[in-house]
Amino acid sequence: MPAIDWSLTIFTIIIQMVLGAFAVLWVTDLLARQLARPRDQEYLTAIAVWVLGPLLVLGLLVTLTHLGRPIFAFRALANLETSWLSREIFFLGAFLVLGAGYAALWWRWRHLFALRATLGAVAGVVGAAGLVSMVFIYLLPAQPTWNLWTTFLEFLGTALLLGPLLVGTVFVITFRRHEARATLESLIAMHLRYLVPTVIVGAVLAGVGLAGRLLTLPQLGLEGVAAYNLLVGPYGVALAARWVLLVVGGLLLPLVLARQLTRHGAGGLGLHVAAMLVLVAASEILGRVLFYAAAVPIRPPGPFFYF
């Protein structure tokens, strides 16, 4: 049975979550200034910005454990013209630098809103390029079980699911502890109203990607059949748990959240949003574990095959 690649599982999930969260924070910064006093709004958003930095660094450090000689990781940048891996490293490294500049503006120069918004937009575009590069790394003819359109949907779904939920959890926790809660309630309510459809879209993309993978694998010859048999056989329980967690955390609970938000406002929803994050994170981890564990290359050795 193929081994589970935990370093790449953690790396891809954290990076995609950070990219999605950064996009949410940037949009929130643009839309929220009229809903709360600038000082309160900036306090709330600045906390979330500083949560993302350590997570991004952690994700990049984890991936170094996948390298035989991490000290020579910089050499990957030598093939930008031909290698998607080099492009991923370049774009994610640039995103880290731009994100640090964006965070510095929050920390020391919050009054420079136009510069912050511009830098955030550039960082968002660079981050999106990093996500696209990450997808293309896996579109390998020699790895037919990854070389599918579903890979893009699953990676994008992770960003749309975990990014908004991470920011939402930070927001509601900060909201409960903030002295001027009344001035932030409209901002939190706006974020949660946009969070619901975004998470649902992410769940639909992830679900379509997973279903598409399961339907396509049997058509890919021996390698696809072997991967399919791994998913429904040895990994069948994990696959079922992935579906249940995705439906509950990414579809049902967001609908309940929307109803509670309409009836009771943004107060008292912290545990609900945090529960969504935990369930969806568990679902995405299972999905990524299965993504790597059921990878069957062309003409692999016999142990890959389960008929």
C-alpha atoms as a PDB file:
ATOM      1  CA  MET A   1       0.000   0.000   0.000  1.00  0.00           C
ATOM      2  CA  PRO A   2       1.449   3.443  -0.885  1.00  0.00           C
ATOM      3  CA  ALA A   3       2.773   5.467   2.039  1.00  0.00           C
ATOM      4  CA  ILE A   4       1.010   8.587   3.315  1.00  0.00           C
ATOM      5  CA  ASP A   5       3.002  11.766   2.624  1.00  0.00           C
ATOM      6  CA  TRP A   6       2.313  13.841   5.737  1.00  0.00           C
ATOM      7  CA  SER A   7       4.730  16.644   4.885  1.00  0.00           C
ATOM      8  CA  LEU A   8       3.035  17.416   1.570  1.00  0.00           C
ATOM      9  CA  THR A   9      -0.397  16.935   3.125  1.00  0.00           C
ATOM     10  CA  ILE A  10       0.303  19.550   5.800  1.00  0.00           C
ATOM     11  CA  PHE A  11       2.146  21.867   3.416  1.00  0.00           C
ATOM     12  CA  THR A  12      -0.541  22.018   0.722  1.00  0.00           C
ATOM     13  CA  ILE A  13      -3.419  22.406   3.175  1.00  0.00           C
ATOM     14  CA  ILE A  14      -1.758  25.168   5.196  1.00  0.00           C
ATOM     15  CA  ILE A  15      -0.662  27.103   2.105  1.00  0.00           C
ATOM     16  CA  GLN A  16      -4.067  26.880   0.460  1.00  0.00           C
ATOM     17  CA  MET A  17      -5.776  27.893   3.718  1.00  0.00           C
ATOM     18  CA  VAL A  18      -3.476  30.913   4.097  1.00  0.00           C
ATOM     19  CA  LEU A  19      -4.047  31.997   0.492  1.00  0.00           C
ATOM     20  CA  GLY A  20      -7.808  31.804   0.928  1.00  0.00           C
ATOM     21  CA  ALA A  21      -7.664  33.609   4.278  1.00  0.00           C
ATOM     22  CA  PHE A  22      -5.504  36.394   2.875  1.00  0.00           C
ATOM     23  CA  ALA A  23      -7.989  37.020   0.069  1.00  0.00           C
ATOM     24  CA  VAL A  24     -10.803  37.200   2.626  1.00  0.00           C
ATOM     25  CA  LEU A  25      -8.896  39.684   4.782  1.00  0.00           C
ATOM     26  CA  TRP A  26      -8.085  41.903   1.819  1.00  0.00           C
ATOM     27  CA  VAL A  27     -11.717  42.020   0.695  1.00  0.00           C
ATOM     28  CA  THR A  28     -12.822  42.646   4.280  1.00  0.00           C
ATOM     29  CA  ASP A  29     -10.387  45.542   4.533  1.00  0.00           C
ATOM     30  CA  LEU A  30     -11.901  47.098   1.401  1.00  0.00           C
ATOM     31  CA  LEU A  31     -15.553  46.658   2.364  1.00  0.00           C
ATOM     32  CA  ALA A  32     -15.629  47.032   6.119  1.00  0.00           C
ATOM     33  CA  ARG A  33     -14.377  50.547   6.763  1.00  0.00           C
ATOM     34  CA  GLN A  34     -17.886  51.996   6.633  1.00  0.00           C
ATOM     35  CA  LEU A  35     -19.322  49.358   8.992  1.00  0.00           C
ATOM     36  CA  ALA A  36     -17.125  49.945  12.046  1.00  0.00           C
ATOM     37  CA  ARG A  37     -14.882  52.619  13.468  1.00  0.00           C
ATOM     38  CA  PRO A  38     -11.552  52.395  11.590  1.00  0.00           C
ATOM     39  CA  ARG A  39      -9.636  51.792  14.813  1.00  0.00           C
ATOM     40  CA  ASP A  40     -11.844  48.841  15.811  1.00  0.00           C
ATOM     41  CA  GLN A  41     -11.981  47.373  12.309  1.00  0.00           C
ATOM     42  CA  GLU A  42      -8.213  47.618  11.898  1.00  0.00           C
ATOM     43  CA  TYR A  43      -7.656  46.024  15.312  1.00  0.00           C
ATOM     44  CA  LEU A  44      -9.816  43.070  14.341  1.00  0.00           C
ATOM     45  CA  THR A  45      -8.249  42.563  10.922  1.00  0.00           C
ATOM     46  CA  ALA A  46      -4.685  43.116  12.136  1.00  0.00           C
ATOM     47  CA  ILE A  47      -4.995  40.188  14.559  1.00  0.00           C
ATOM     48  CA  ALA A  48      -6.055  37.886  11.713  1.00  0.00           C
ATOM     49  CA  VAL A  49      -3.185  39.142   9.519  1.00  0.00           C
ATOM     50  CA  TRP A  50      -0.676  38.229  12.205  1.00  0.00           C
ATOM     51  CA  VAL A  51      -2.166  34.748  12.559  1.00  0.00           C
ATOM     52  CA  LEU A  52      -1.470  34.026   8.874  1.00  0.00           C
ATOM     53  CA  GLY A  53       2.251  34.834   8.925  1.00  0.00           C
ATOM     54  CA  PRO A  54       3.335  32.052  11.307  1.00  0.00           C
ATOM     55  CA  LEU A  55       1.046  29.593   9.517  1.00  0.00           C
ATOM     56  CA  LEU A  56       2.617  30.386   6.143  1.00  0.00           C
ATOM     57  CA  VAL A  57       6.130  30.039   7.540  1.00  0.00           C
ATOM     58  CA  LEU A  58       5.144  26.758   9.208  1.00  0.00           C
ATOM     59  CA  GLY A  59       3.805  25.414   5.917  1.00  0.00           C
ATOM     60  CA  LEU A  60       6.998  26.317   4.075  1.00  0.00           C
ATOM     61  CA  LEU A  61       9.172  24.780   6.804  1.00  0.00           C
ATOM     62  CA  VAL A  62       7.169  21.551   6.806  1.00  0.00           C
ATOM     63  CA  THR A  63       7.755  21.051   3.099  1.00  0.00           C
ATOM     64  CA  LEU A  64      11.522  21.149   3.688  1.00  0.00           C
ATOM     65  CA  THR A  65      11.194  17.824   5.492  1.00  0.00           C
ATOM     66  CA  HIS A  66      10.218  16.330   2.141  1.00  0.00           C
ATOM     67  CA  LEU A  67      13.579  17.265   0.629  1.00  0.00           C
ATOM     68  CA  GLY A  68      16.605  15.016   0.799  1.00  0.00           C
ATOM     69  CA  ARG A  69      18.942  17.985   1.376  1.00  0.00           C
ATOM     70  CA  PRO A  70      16.902  21.008   2.514  1.00  0.00           C
ATOM     71  CA  ILE A  71      20.001  23.227   2.573  1.00  0.00           C
ATOM     72  CA  PHE A  72      19.984  23.194  -1.235  1.00  0.00           C
ATOM     73  CA  ALA A  73      16.285  24.060  -1.595  1.00  0.00           C
ATOM     74  CA  PHE A  74      17.209  27.392  -3.197  1.00  0.00           C
ATOM     75  CA  ARG A  75      18.448  25.542  -6.277  1.00  0.00           C
ATOM     76  CA  ALA A  76      14.834  24.848  -7.242  1.00  0.00           C
ATOM     77  CA  LEU A  77      14.594  28.467  -8.419  1.00  0.00           C
ATOM     78  CA  ALA A  78      17.039  27.750 -11.236  1.00  0.00           C
ATOM     79  CA  ASN A  79      14.344  26.299 -13.526  1.00  0.00           C
ATOM     80  CA  LEU A  80      11.627  28.958 -13.603  1.00  0.00           C
ATOM     81  CA  GLU A  81      11.235  28.675 -17.378  1.00  0.00           C
ATOM     82  CA  THR A  82      10.451  24.971 -17.383  1.00  0.00           C
ATOM     83  CA  SER A  83       9.519  23.802 -13.871  1.00  0.00           C
ATOM     84  CA  TRP A  84       6.194  24.354 -12.113  1.00  0.00           C
ATOM     85  CA  LEU A  85       7.923  23.445  -8.856  1.00  0.00           C
ATOM     86  CA  SER A  86      10.347  26.328  -9.334  1.00  0.00           C
ATOM     87  CA  ARG A  87       7.443  28.647 -10.109  1.00  0.00           C
ATOM     88  CA  GLU A  88       5.574  27.499  -7.010  1.00  0.00           C
ATOM     89  CA  ILE A  89       8.584  28.219  -4.800  1.00  0.00           C
ATOM     90  CA  PHE A  90       9.119  31.589  -6.477  1.00  0.00           C
ATOM     91  CA  PHE A  91       5.497  32.739  -6.204  1.00  0.00           C
ATOM     92  CA  LEU A  92       5.016  31.488  -2.639  1.00  0.00           C
ATOM     93  CA  GLY A  93       8.295  33.083  -1.577  1.00  0.00           C
ATOM     94  CA  ALA A  94       7.229  36.353  -3.194  1.00  0.00           C
ATOM     95  CA  PHE A  95       3.845  36.053  -1.493  1.00  0.00           C
ATOM     96  CA  LEU A  96       5.597  35.636   1.865  1.00  0.00           C
ATOM     97  CA  VAL A  97       7.620  38.826   1.289  1.00  0.00           C
ATOM     98  CA  LEU A  98       4.613  40.823   0.074  1.00  0.00           C
ATOM     99  CA  GLY A  99       2.500  39.462   2.914  1.00  0.00           C
ATOM    100  CA  ALA A 100       5.150  40.561   5.394  1.00  0.00           C
ATOM    101  CA  GLY A 101       5.001  44.054   3.910  1.00  0.00           C
ATOM    102  CA  TYR A 102       1.217  44.003   4.157  1.00  0.00           C
ATOM    103  CA  ALA A 103       1.432  42.957   7.810  1.00  0.00           C
ATOM    104  CA  ALA A 104       4.016  45.678   8.496  1.00  0.00           C
ATOM    105  CA  LEU A 105       1.594  48.285   7.164  1.00  0.00           C
ATOM    106  CA  TRP A 106      -1.012  46.963   9.583  1.00  0.00           C
ATOM    107  CA  TRP A 107       1.438  47.031  12.461  1.00  0.00           C
ATOM    108  CA  ARG A 108       3.121  50.412  12.017  1.00  0.00           C
ATOM    109  CA  TRP A 109       1.409  52.418   9.267  1.00  0.00           C
ATOM    110  CA  ARG A 110      -2.303  51.650   9.396  1.00  0.00           C
ATOM    111  CA  HIS A 111      -3.187  55.088   8.058  1.00  0.00           C
ATOM    112  CA  LEU A 112      -1.674  54.252   4.632  1.00  0.00           C
ATOM    113  CA  PHE A 113      -4.845  52.550   3.431  1.00  0.00           C
ATOM    114  CA  ALA A 114      -4.311  53.048  -0.329  1.00  0.00           C
ATOM    115  CA  LEU A 115      -0.808  51.599  -0.191  1.00  0.00           C
ATOM    116  CA  ARG A 116      -2.015  48.694   1.952  1.00  0.00           C
ATOM    117  CA  ALA A 117      -4.877  47.923  -0.431  1.00  0.00           C
ATOM    118  CA  THR A 118      -2.571  48.017  -3.456  1.00  0.00           C
ATOM    119  CA  LEU A 119       0.065  45.838  -1.834  1.00  0.00           C
ATOM    120  CA  GLY A 120      -2.644  43.393  -0.739  1.00  0.00           C
ATOM    121  CA  ALA A 121      -3.968  43.154  -4.293  1.00  0.00           C
ATOM    122  CA  VAL A 122      -0.492  42.422  -5.667  1.00  0.00           C
ATOM    123  CA  ALA A 123       0.100  39.822  -2.950  1.00  0.00           C
ATOM    124  CA  GLY A 124      -3.256  38.212  -3.742  1.00  0.00           C
ATOM    125  CA  VAL A 125      -2.397  37.895  -7.453  1.00  0.00           C
ATOM    126  CA  VAL A 126       1.018  36.431  -6.631  1.00  0.00           C
ATOM    127  CA  GLY A 127      -0.587  34.006  -4.191  1.00  0.00           C
ATOM    128  CA  ALA A 128      -3.104  32.921  -6.834  1.00  0.00           C
ATOM    129  CA  ALA A 129      -0.200  32.265  -9.204  1.00  0.00           C
ATOM    130  CA  GLY A 130       1.362  30.131  -6.481  1.00  0.00           C
ATOM    131  CA  LEU A 131      -1.858  28.123  -6.153  1.00  0.00           C
ATOM    132  CA  VAL A 132      -2.036  27.577  -9.921  1.00  0.00           C
ATOM    133  CA  SER A 133       1.611  26.491  -9.939  1.00  0.00           C
ATOM    134  CA  MET A 134       0.873  24.067  -7.117  1.00  0.00           C
ATOM    135  CA  VAL A 135      -1.902  22.483  -9.188  1.00  0.00           C
ATOM    136  CA  PHE A 136       0.252  22.119 -12.295  1.00  0.00           C
ATOM    137  CA  ILE A 137       2.953  20.319 -10.310  1.00  0.00           C
ATOM    138  CA  TYR A 138       0.537  17.408  -9.990  1.00  0.00           C
ATOM    139  CA  LEU A 139      -0.664  17.346 -13.589  1.00  0.00           C
ATOM    140  CA  LEU A 140       1.890  14.740 -14.576  1.00  0.00           C
ATOM    141  CA  PRO A 141       1.314  12.228 -17.409  1.00  0.00           C
ATOM    142  CA  ALA A 142       3.377   9.736 -15.409  1.00  0.00           C
ATOM    143  CA  GLN A 143       0.926  10.063 -12.504  1.00  0.00           C
ATOM    144  CA  PRO A 144      -2.495   9.617 -14.158  1.00  0.00           C
ATOM    145  CA  THR A 145      -4.374   9.526 -10.848  1.00  0.00           C
ATOM    146  CA  TRP A 146      -3.310  13.160 -10.233  1.00  0.00           C
ATOM    147  CA  ASN A 147      -3.339  14.318 -13.846  1.00  0.00           C
ATOM    148  CA  LEU A 148      -7.051  15.201 -13.727  1.00  0.00           C
ATOM    149  CA  TRP A 149      -9.186  18.342 -13.838  1.00  0.00           C
ATOM    150  CA  THR A 150     -10.430  17.382 -10.386  1.00  0.00           C
ATOM    151  CA  THR A 151      -7.083  18.328  -8.819  1.00  0.00           C
ATOM    152  CA  PHE A 152      -7.726  22.014  -9.458  1.00  0.00           C
ATOM    153  CA  LEU A 153     -11.224  21.828  -7.980  1.00  0.00           C
ATOM    154  CA  GLU A 154     -10.013  20.059  -4.843  1.00  0.00           C
ATOM    155  CA  PHE A 155      -7.151  22.511  -4.213  1.00  0.00           C
ATOM    156  CA  LEU A 156      -9.336  25.553  -4.876  1.00  0.00           C
ATOM    157  CA  GLY A 157     -12.054  24.061  -2.695  1.00  0.00           C
ATOM    158  CA  THR A 158      -9.594  23.803   0.201  1.00  0.00           C
ATOM    159  CA  ALA A 159      -8.733  27.505  -0.107  1.00  0.00           C
ATOM    160  CA  LEU A 160     -12.392  28.553  -0.234  1.00  0.00           C
ATOM    161  CA  LEU A 161     -13.326  26.319   2.696  1.00  0.00           C
ATOM    162  CA  LEU A 162     -10.530  26.766   5.200  1.00  0.00           C
ATOM    163  CA  GLY A 163      -9.492  30.345   4.447  1.00  0.00           C
ATOM    164  CA  PRO A 164     -12.819  32.039   5.256  1.00  0.00           C
ATOM    165  CA  LEU A 165     -13.444  29.731   8.219  1.00  0.00           C
ATOM    166  CA  LEU A 166     -10.040  30.498   9.725  1.00  0.00           C
ATOM    167  CA  VAL A 167     -10.651  34.232   9.442  1.00  0.00           C
ATOM    168  CA  GLY A 168     -14.215  33.845  10.701  1.00  0.00           C
ATOM    169  CA  THR A 169     -13.042  31.933  13.768  1.00  0.00           C
ATOM    170  CA  VAL A 170     -10.404  34.570  14.574  1.00  0.00           C
ATOM    171  CA  PHE A 171     -12.999  37.317  14.087  1.00  0.00           C
ATOM    172  CA  VAL A 172     -15.664  35.842  16.359  1.00  0.00           C
ATOM    173  CA  ILE A 173     -13.149  34.992  19.098  1.00  0.00           C
ATOM    174  CA  THR A 174     -11.724  38.514  18.969  1.00  0.00           C
ATOM    175  CA  PHE A 175     -15.245  39.949  18.866  1.00  0.00           C
ATOM    176  CA  ARG A 176     -16.166  38.202  22.127  1.00  0.00           C
ATOM    177  CA  ARG A 177     -13.100  39.630  23.867  1.00  0.00           C
ATOM    178  CA  HIS A 178     -13.252  43.158  22.456  1.00  0.00           C
ATOM    179  CA  GLU A 179     -14.468  45.903  24.772  1.00  0.00           C
ATOM    180  CA  ALA A 180     -16.373  47.771  22.058  1.00  0.00           C
ATOM    181  CA  ARG A 181     -18.367  44.770  20.823  1.00  0.00           C
ATOM    182  CA  ALA A 182     -21.285  46.880  19.602  1.00  0.00           C
ATOM    183  CA  THR A 183     -19.093  48.748  17.117  1.00  0.00           C
ATOM    184  CA  LEU A 184     -17.880  45.483  15.571  1.00  0.00           C
ATOM    185  CA  GLU A 185     -21.128  43.523  15.374  1.00  0.00           C
ATOM    186  CA  SER A 186     -22.088  44.870  11.936  1.00  0.00           C
ATOM    187  CA  LEU A 187     -18.635  43.986  10.615  1.00  0.00           C
ATOM    188  CA  ILE A 188     -18.794  40.455  12.020  1.00  0.00           C
ATOM    189  CA  ALA A 189     -22.317  40.014  10.635  1.00  0.00           C
ATOM    190  CA  MET A 190     -21.166  41.126   7.177  1.00  0.00           C
ATOM    191  CA  HIS A 191     -18.260  38.706   7.248  1.00  0.00           C
ATOM    192  CA  LEU A 192     -20.449  35.791   8.306  1.00  0.00           C
ATOM    193  CA  ARG A 193     -23.046  36.593   5.629  1.00  0.00           C
ATOM    194  CA  TYR A 194     -20.346  36.359   2.959  1.00  0.00           C
ATOM    195  CA  LEU A 195     -18.716  33.384   4.669  1.00  0.00           C
ATOM    196  CA  VAL A 196     -21.776  31.156   4.227  1.00  0.00           C
ATOM    197  CA  PRO A 197     -21.961  31.172   0.390  1.00  0.00           C
ATOM    198  CA  THR A 198     -18.160  31.087   0.058  1.00  0.00           C
ATOM    199  CA  VAL A 199     -17.859  27.982   2.216  1.00  0.00           C
ATOM    200  CA  ILE A 200     -20.757  26.322   0.411  1.00  0.00           C
ATOM    201  CA  VAL A 201     -19.119  27.003  -2.965  1.00  0.00           C
ATOM    202  CA  GLY A 202     -15.866  25.572  -1.624  1.00  0.00           C
ATOM    203  CA  ALA A 203     -17.661  22.470  -0.380  1.00  0.00           C
ATOM    204  CA  VAL A 204     -19.388  22.008  -3.739  1.00  0.00           C
ATOM    205  CA  LEU A 205     -16.071  22.343  -5.596  1.00  0.00           C
ATOM    206  CA  ALA A 206     -14.390  19.867  -3.253  1.00  0.00           C
ATOM    207  CA  GLY A 207     -17.307  17.462  -3.549  1.00  0.00           C
ATOM    208  CA  VAL A 208     -17.453  17.693  -7.335  1.00  0.00           C
ATOM    209  CA  GLY A 209     -13.697  17.197  -7.470  1.00  0.00           C
ATOM    210  CA  LEU A 210     -13.840  14.103  -5.284  1.00  0.00           C
ATOM    211  CA  ALA A 211     -16.836  12.640  -7.102  1.00  0.00           C
ATOM    212  CA  GLY A 212     -15.219  13.380 -10.455  1.00  0.00           C
ATOM    213  CA  ARG A 213     -12.043  11.636  -9.356  1.00  0.00           C
ATOM    214  CA  LEU A 214     -13.957   8.535  -8.255  1.00  0.00           C
ATOM    215  CA  LEU A 215     -15.885   8.416 -11.541  1.00  0.00           C
ATOM    216  CA  THR A 216     -12.801   9.001 -13.700  1.00  0.00           C
ATOM    217  CA  LEU A 217     -10.289   6.663 -12.076  1.00  0.00           C
ATOM    218  CA  PRO A 218     -11.805   3.397 -13.398  1.00  0.00           C
ATOM    219  CA  GLN A 219     -11.413   4.773 -16.940  1.00  0.00           C
ATOM    220  CA  LEU A 220      -7.646   5.322 -16.606  1.00  0.00           C
ATOM    221  CA  GLY A 221      -6.508   1.755 -17.160  1.00  0.00           C
ATOM    222  CA  LEU A 222      -4.688  -0.405 -14.642  1.00  0.00           C
ATOM    223  CA  GLU A 223      -3.354   2.553 -12.640  1.00  0.00           C
ATOM    224  CA  GLY A 224      -6.764   4.154 -12.302  1.00  0.00           C
ATOM    225  CA  VAL A 225      -8.432   0.896 -11.326  1.00  0.00           C
ATOM    226  CA  ALA A 226      -5.718   0.267  -8.735  1.00  0.00           C
ATOM    227  CA  ALA A 227      -6.205   3.750  -7.243  1.00  0.00           C
ATOM    228  CA  TYR A 228      -9.990   3.331  -7.223  1.00  0.00           C
ATOM    229  CA  ASN A 229      -9.703  -0.012  -5.442  1.00  0.00           C
ATOM    230  CA  LEU A 230      -7.467   1.571  -2.822  1.00  0.00           C
ATOM    231  CA  LEU A 231     -10.021   4.318  -2.162  1.00  0.00           C
ATOM    232  CA  VAL A 232     -13.054   2.048  -1.858  1.00  0.00           C
ATOM    233  CA  GLY A 233     -11.148  -0.814  -0.234  1.00  0.00           C
ATOM    234  CA  PRO A 234      -8.421  -0.186   2.366  1.00  0.00           C
ATOM    235  CA  TYR A 235      -9.292   3.514   2.567  1.00  0.00           C
ATOM    236  CA  GLY A 236     -13.053   3.108   2.323  1.00  0.00           C
ATOM    237  CA  VAL A 237     -13.757   4.202   5.907  1.00  0.00           C
ATOM    238  CA  ALA A 238     -11.592   7.315   5.506  1.00  0.00           C
ATOM    239  CA  LEU A 239     -13.349   8.118   2.233  1.00  0.00           C
ATOM    240  CA  ALA A 240     -16.785   7.823   3.852  1.00  0.00           C
ATOM    241  CA  ALA A 241     -15.657  10.009   6.775  1.00  0.00           C
ATOM    242  CA  ARG A 242     -14.362  12.580   4.273  1.00  0.00           C
ATOM    243  CA  TRP A 243     -17.804  12.796   2.669  1.00  0.00           C
ATOM    244  CA  VAL A 244     -19.681  13.015   5.973  1.00  0.00           C
ATOM    245  CA  LEU A 245     -17.445  15.733   7.409  1.00  0.00           C
ATOM    246  CA  LEU A 246     -17.589  17.719   4.179  1.00  0.00           C
ATOM    247  CA  VAL A 247     -21.383  17.612   3.974  1.00  0.00           C
ATOM    248  CA  VAL A 248     -21.912  18.428   7.663  1.00  0.00           C
ATOM    249  CA  GLY A 249     -19.193  21.062   8.065  1.00  0.00           C
ATOM    250  CA  GLY A 250     -19.294  22.581   4.587  1.00  0.00           C
ATOM    251  CA  LEU A 251     -22.998  22.434   3.709  1.00  0.00           C
ATOM    252  CA  LEU A 252     -25.354  21.765   6.623  1.00  0.00           C
ATOM    253  CA  LEU A 253     -23.722  23.883   9.326  1.00  0.00           C
ATOM    254  CA  PRO A 254     -23.315  26.931   7.030  1.00  0.00           C
ATOM    255  CA  LEU A 255     -27.044  26.811   6.286  1.00  0.00           C
ATOM    256  CA  VAL A 256     -27.788  26.649  10.016  1.00  0.00           C
ATOM    257  CA  LEU A 257     -25.374  29.548  10.552  1.00  0.00           C
ATOM    258  CA  ALA A 258     -27.214  31.668   7.992  1.00  0.00           C
ATOM    259  CA  ARG A 259     -30.497  31.007   9.766  1.00  0.00           C
ATOM    260  CA  GLN A 260     -29.083  31.825  13.191  1.00  0.00           C
ATOM    261  CA  LEU A 261     -27.476  34.986  11.837  1.00  0.00           C
ATOM    262  CA  THR A 262     -30.827  36.182  10.506  1.00  0.00           C
ATOM    263  CA  ARG A 263     -32.623  35.473  13.761  1.00  0.00           C
ATOM    264  CA  HIS A 264     -30.081  36.333  16.454  1.00  0.00           C
ATOM    265  CA  GLY A 265     -27.330  38.411  14.872  1.00  0.00           C
ATOM    266  CA  ALA A 266     -23.589  37.798  15.097  1.00  0.00           C
ATOM    267  CA  GLY A 267     -23.383  37.328  18.853  1.00  0.00           C
ATOM    268  CA  GLY A 268     -22.943  33.854  20.314  1.00  0.00           C
ATOM    269  CA  LEU A 269     -21.856  32.174  17.061  1.00  0.00           C
ATOM    270  CA  GLY A 270     -18.226  31.590  17.984  1.00  0.00           C
ATOM    271  CA  LEU A 271     -18.564  27.901  18.791  1.00  0.00           C
ATOM    272  CA  HIS A 272     -20.627  27.324  15.659  1.00  0.00           C
ATOM    273  CA  VAL A 273     -17.981  28.840  13.370  1.00  0.00           C
ATOM    274  CA  ALA A 274     -15.174  27.054  15.216  1.00  0.00           C
ATOM    275  CA  ALA A 275     -17.019  23.728  14.870  1.00  0.00           C
ATOM    276  CA  MET A 276     -17.321  24.316  11.127  1.00  0.00           C
ATOM    277  CA  LEU A 277     -13.579  24.960  10.920  1.00  0.00           C
ATOM    278  CA  VAL A 278     -12.720  21.782  12.863  1.00  0.00           C
ATOM    279  CA  LEU A 279     -15.036  19.551  10.815  1.00  0.00           C
ATOM    280  CA  VAL A 280     -13.975  20.981   7.476  1.00  0.00           C
ATOM    281  CA  ALA A 281     -10.282  20.858   8.417  1.00  0.00           C
ATOM    282  CA  ALA A 282     -10.653  17.185   9.342  1.00  0.00           C
ATOM    283  CA  SER A 283     -12.407  16.547   6.034  1.00  0.00           C
ATOM    284  CA  GLU A 284      -9.691  18.304   4.026  1.00  0.00           C
ATOM    285  CA  ILE A 285      -6.906  16.466   5.848  1.00  0.00           C
ATOM    286  CA  LEU A 286      -8.570  13.142   5.082  1.00  0.00           C
ATOM    287  CA  GLY A 287      -9.080  14.186   1.478  1.00  0.00           C
ATOM    288  CA  ARG A 288      -5.453  15.176   1.044  1.00  0.00           C
ATOM    289  CA  VAL A 289      -4.216  12.014   2.742  1.00  0.00           C
ATOM    290  CA  LEU A 290      -6.289   9.993   0.274  1.00  0.00           C
ATOM    291  CA  PHE A 291      -5.010  12.139  -2.601  1.00  0.00           C
ATOM    292  CA  TYR A 292      -1.429  11.067  -1.868  1.00  0.00           C
ATOM    293  CA  ALA A 293      -2.062   7.567  -0.515  1.00  0.00           C
ATOM    294  CA  ALA A 294      -4.045   6.461  -3.572  1.00  0.00           C
ATOM    295  CA  ALA A 295      -1.529   7.809  -6.086  1.00  0.00           C
ATOM    296  CA  VAL A 296      -0.547   5.044  -8.503  1.00  0.00           C
ATOM    297  CA  PRO A 297       2.134   5.897 -11.100  1.00  0.00           C
ATOM    298  CA  ILE A 298       2.334   4.344 -14.545  1.00  0.00           C
ATOM    299  CA  ARG A 299       3.669   0.775 -14.471  1.00  0.00           C
ATOM    300  CA  PRO A 300       4.235   0.669 -10.704  1.00  0.00           C
ATOM    301  CA  PRO A 301       5.532  -2.413  -8.903  1.00  0.00           C
ATOM    302  CA  GLY A 302       3.062  -5.111  -7.998  1.00  0.00           C
ATOM    303  CA  PRO A 303       2.168  -3.999  -4.432  1.00  0.00           C
ATOM    304  CA  PHE A 304       0.286  -1.009  -5.813  1.00  0.00           C
ATOM    305  CA  PHE A 305      -2.364  -3.175  -7.404  1.00  0.00           C
ATOM    306  CA  TYR A 306      -5.491  -4.336  -5.602  1.00  0.00           C
ATOM    307  CA  PHE A 307      -7.988  -6.278  -7.691  1.00  0.00           C
END
